[in-house]
């Protein structure tokens, strides 16, 4: 059975290391988005980790981390999509604190056929977004991911050309009301669904 949890570095350092190790395996070894030589300790991390809320999916039977995603909050660092794609979020949304960037969505190859992992992680993101008062999501997504998400009724709008950034990626942006209105995550975001399969197993 899948379980989902919010994992913050200061509260769960060992679990957070497992997240970074999973990101290394996916981003460096499986996908080749990052150079192995840049992460000699086998952990993939960056300056935004301390400005993010992290989530993990894991199998209750063996405790293995099966997927992760982070929600980057507004800070003096800005957002990666601004830095790398030249977006002007100040022009696109009135209050920057109402924006979060979905980042480092990682699922190992052996678990990618289990769509409940991505679905559950997005429900975690939706719950956290409601808690933070976030109204907009942005993301830099590789080819194929938008199509995968659209099959689960998650529709982010492409707002710029593709560039080389951890592999070929393009910027996406939108109001949560528009992105996930047909996804179970939207009911969680709106508060219409108080307890569901994921919500009941989420350690927040």
Protein backbone atom coordinates (compact mmCIF):
# COMPACT_ATOMS: atom_id res chain seq x y z
CA UNK A 1 0.00 0.00 0.00
CA UNK A 2 1.25 3.48 -0.86
CA UNK A 3 1.71 6.08 1.83
CA UNK A 4 2.49 9.77 1.39
CA UNK A 5 4.25 12.15 3.73
CA UNK A 6 5.61 15.67 3.99
CA UNK A 7 9.34 15.32 4.60
CA UNK A 8 11.23 18.37 5.82
CA UNK A 9 15.04 18.21 6.18
CA UNK A 10 15.13 19.53 9.73
CA UNK A 11 12.42 17.15 10.96
CA UNK A 12 13.30 13.96 9.08
CA UNK A 13 16.96 14.16 7.98
CA UNK A 14 17.34 10.47 7.13
CA UNK A 15 14.13 10.36 5.10
CA UNK A 16 15.18 13.53 3.33
CA UNK A 17 18.48 11.88 2.37
CA UNK A 18 16.46 9.06 0.81
CA UNK A 19 14.59 11.64 -1.26
CA UNK A 20 17.86 13.18 -2.44
CA UNK A 21 19.24 9.73 -3.23
CA UNK A 22 16.14 8.91 -5.28
CA UNK A 23 16.49 12.22 -7.15
CA UNK A 24 20.12 11.37 -7.87
CA UNK A 25 19.16 7.95 -9.23
CA UNK A 26 16.45 9.40 -11.47
CA UNK A 27 18.02 12.71 -12.56
CA UNK A 28 21.64 11.55 -12.85
CA UNK A 29 21.67 7.80 -13.50
CA UNK A 30 18.38 7.08 -15.29
CA UNK A 31 17.67 10.33 -17.12
CA UNK A 32 21.09 11.93 -17.44
CA UNK A 33 19.65 15.37 -16.65
CA UNK A 34 22.42 16.06 -14.13
CA UNK A 35 26.12 15.17 -14.20
CA UNK A 36 27.12 12.38 -11.85
CA UNK A 37 30.37 14.23 -11.19
CA UNK A 38 28.43 17.17 -9.74
CA UNK A 39 27.01 14.94 -7.01
CA UNK A 40 29.88 12.79 -5.67
CA UNK A 41 27.93 11.89 -2.53
CA UNK A 42 25.12 10.33 -4.57
CA UNK A 43 22.60 12.96 -3.44
CA UNK A 44 20.94 15.44 -5.82
CA UNK A 45 20.31 18.78 -4.12
CA UNK A 46 20.28 22.51 -4.85
CA UNK A 47 19.75 25.91 -3.19
CA UNK A 48 15.96 25.67 -3.47
CA UNK A 49 15.64 22.64 -1.20
CA UNK A 50 15.64 24.79 1.92
CA UNK A 51 12.90 26.97 0.40
CA UNK A 52 10.64 24.07 -0.46
CA UNK A 53 8.09 21.68 0.97
CA UNK A 54 9.02 18.09 0.09
CA UNK A 55 6.77 15.08 -0.34
CA UNK A 56 7.51 11.39 -0.65
CA UNK A 57 5.51 8.37 -1.73
CA UNK A 58 6.61 5.12 -0.17
CA UNK A 59 5.44 1.54 0.04
CA UNK A 60 4.25 0.64 3.49
CA UNK A 61 5.41 -2.97 3.10
CA UNK A 62 9.13 -2.16 2.85
CA UNK A 63 9.40 1.59 3.45
CA UNK A 64 11.03 2.15 0.06
CA UNK A 65 10.65 5.65 -1.37
CA UNK A 66 8.78 5.29 -4.68
CA UNK A 67 8.49 8.92 -5.72
CA UNK A 68 9.00 12.50 -4.65
CA UNK A 69 8.09 16.06 -5.56
CA UNK A 70 8.79 19.44 -4.01
CA UNK A 71 6.83 22.68 -3.91
CA UNK A 72 9.17 25.68 -4.08
CA UNK A 73 7.84 28.65 -2.14
CA UNK A 74 8.41 32.31 -2.90
CA UNK A 75 11.62 33.67 -1.38
CA UNK A 76 14.45 36.09 -2.12
CA UNK A 77 15.81 33.41 -4.48
CA UNK A 78 12.82 33.72 -6.78
CA UNK A 79 11.80 30.67 -8.80
CA UNK A 80 13.92 28.53 -11.16
CA UNK A 81 11.50 29.17 -14.05
CA UNK A 82 12.15 32.90 -13.69
CA UNK A 83 15.91 32.51 -13.66
CA UNK A 84 16.20 30.07 -16.55
CA UNK A 85 13.26 31.05 -18.77
CA UNK A 86 13.13 34.80 -18.18
CA UNK A 87 9.54 34.82 -16.91
CA UNK A 88 8.13 37.91 -15.21
CA UNK A 89 5.88 36.48 -12.51
CA UNK A 90 5.32 39.93 -11.04
CA UNK A 91 3.48 40.81 -14.23
CA UNK A 92 1.66 37.48 -14.44
CA UNK A 93 0.21 37.36 -10.92
CA UNK A 94 -0.56 40.04 -8.38
CA UNK A 95 1.02 38.49 -5.29
CA UNK A 96 4.14 36.33 -5.55
CA UNK A 97 3.30 34.54 -2.31
CA UNK A 98 0.34 33.00 -4.15
CA UNK A 99 2.71 31.19 -6.55
CA UNK A 100 4.65 27.97 -5.99
CA UNK A 101 6.80 26.03 -8.42
CA UNK A 102 6.29 22.28 -8.76
CA UNK A 103 9.74 20.78 -9.08
CA UNK A 104 11.85 17.62 -8.98
CA UNK A 105 9.00 15.22 -9.66
CA UNK A 106 10.87 11.92 -9.60
CA UNK A 107 9.65 8.34 -9.92
CA UNK A 108 12.14 5.48 -10.45
CA UNK A 109 11.83 3.54 -13.68
CA UNK A 110 10.65 0.39 -11.93
CA UNK A 111 7.63 2.22 -10.47
CA UNK A 112 6.58 4.42 -13.39
CA UNK A 113 3.74 2.10 -14.36
CA UNK A 114 2.07 2.84 -11.01
CA UNK A 115 0.16 6.02 -11.85
CA UNK A 116 -1.09 6.26 -8.27
CA UNK A 117 2.33 7.61 -7.29
CA UNK A 118 2.10 10.75 -9.43
CA UNK A 119 -1.59 11.13 -8.68
CA UNK A 120 -0.97 10.94 -4.95
CA UNK A 121 1.97 13.34 -5.05
CA UNK A 122 -0.17 15.92 -6.84
CA UNK A 123 -2.84 15.50 -4.19
CA UNK A 124 -0.15 16.26 -1.60
CA UNK A 125 0.82 19.36 -3.57
CA UNK A 126 -2.83 20.44 -3.75
CA UNK A 127 -3.35 20.05 -0.01
CA UNK A 128 -0.20 22.01 0.75
CA UNK A 129 -1.16 24.72 -1.75
CA UNK A 130 -4.49 25.18 0.00
CA UNK A 131 -2.71 25.41 3.36
CA UNK A 132 -0.31 28.06 2.01
CA UNK A 133 -2.98 30.07 0.19
CA UNK A 134 -1.36 29.38 -3.19
CA UNK A 135 -3.48 30.06 -6.28
CA UNK A 136 -1.00 29.48 -9.14
CA UNK A 137 1.50 26.78 -10.08
CA UNK A 138 4.49 27.04 -12.36
CA UNK A 139 6.88 24.33 -13.54
CA UNK A 140 9.67 23.51 -15.97
CA UNK A 141 8.72 20.22 -17.60
CA UNK A 142 10.53 17.77 -19.84
CA UNK A 143 9.00 16.33 -22.97
CA UNK A 144 6.38 13.71 -22.24
CA UNK A 145 5.52 14.85 -18.72
CA UNK A 146 2.74 17.27 -19.77
CA UNK A 147 1.14 14.47 -21.77
CA UNK A 148 1.38 12.10 -18.81
CA UNK A 149 -0.20 14.67 -16.51
CA UNK A 150 -2.98 15.47 -18.98
CA UNK A 151 -4.02 11.82 -18.87
CA UNK A 152 -4.66 12.41 -15.17
CA UNK A 153 -6.61 15.62 -15.85
CA UNK A 154 -3.78 17.94 -14.81
CA UNK A 155 -3.36 20.60 -17.48
CA UNK A 156 -0.64 23.22 -17.18
CA UNK A 157 -0.32 25.76 -20.00
CA UNK A 158 2.95 26.05 -21.90
CA UNK A 159 4.02 29.70 -21.85
CA UNK A 160 7.42 29.73 -23.52
CA UNK A 161 9.84 27.91 -25.83
CA UNK A 162 11.80 24.84 -24.89
CA UNK A 163 15.41 25.27 -23.75
CA UNK A 164 18.17 23.02 -22.43
CA UNK A 165 17.66 22.92 -18.66
CA UNK A 166 18.14 19.53 -17.00
CA UNK A 167 17.37 18.19 -20.45
CA UNK A 168 14.96 19.82 -22.94
CA UNK A 169 12.31 21.64 -20.91
CA UNK A 170 9.64 24.28 -21.37
CA UNK A 171 7.98 26.62 -18.85
CA UNK A 172 4.39 26.04 -17.73
CA UNK A 173 2.11 28.22 -15.64
CA UNK A 174 -1.52 28.51 -14.63
CA UNK A 175 -4.21 29.01 -12.01
CA UNK A 176 -4.89 25.92 -9.95
CA UNK A 177 -8.59 26.43 -10.70
CA UNK A 178 -7.80 25.87 -14.39
CA UNK A 179 -5.01 23.29 -14.06
CA UNK A 180 -6.66 20.62 -11.95
CA UNK A 181 -10.39 21.31 -12.01
CA UNK A 182 -11.18 17.74 -13.12
CA UNK A 183 -8.61 16.02 -10.89
CA UNK A 184 -9.26 14.67 -7.41
CA UNK A 185 -6.53 17.05 -6.23
CA UNK A 186 -8.81 19.98 -7.03
CA UNK A 187 -11.45 18.76 -4.59
CA UNK A 188 -8.75 18.58 -1.93
CA UNK A 189 -7.50 22.04 -2.88
CA UNK A 190 -10.99 23.52 -2.62
CA UNK A 191 -11.70 21.67 0.60
CA UNK A 192 -14.66 19.85 -0.95
CA UNK A 193 -13.06 16.48 -0.21
CA UNK A 194 -11.95 16.35 3.39
CA UNK A 195 -10.68 12.78 3.56
CA UNK A 196 -9.80 10.57 0.60
CA UNK A 197 -7.52 7.62 -0.06
CA UNK A 198 -4.48 9.86 -0.18
CA UNK A 199 -5.57 12.46 2.35
CA UNK A 200 -6.24 9.82 4.98
CA UNK A 201 -2.71 8.42 4.63
CA UNK A 202 -0.88 11.73 4.39
CA UNK A 203 1.30 12.63 7.34
CA UNK A 204 1.17 16.43 7.30
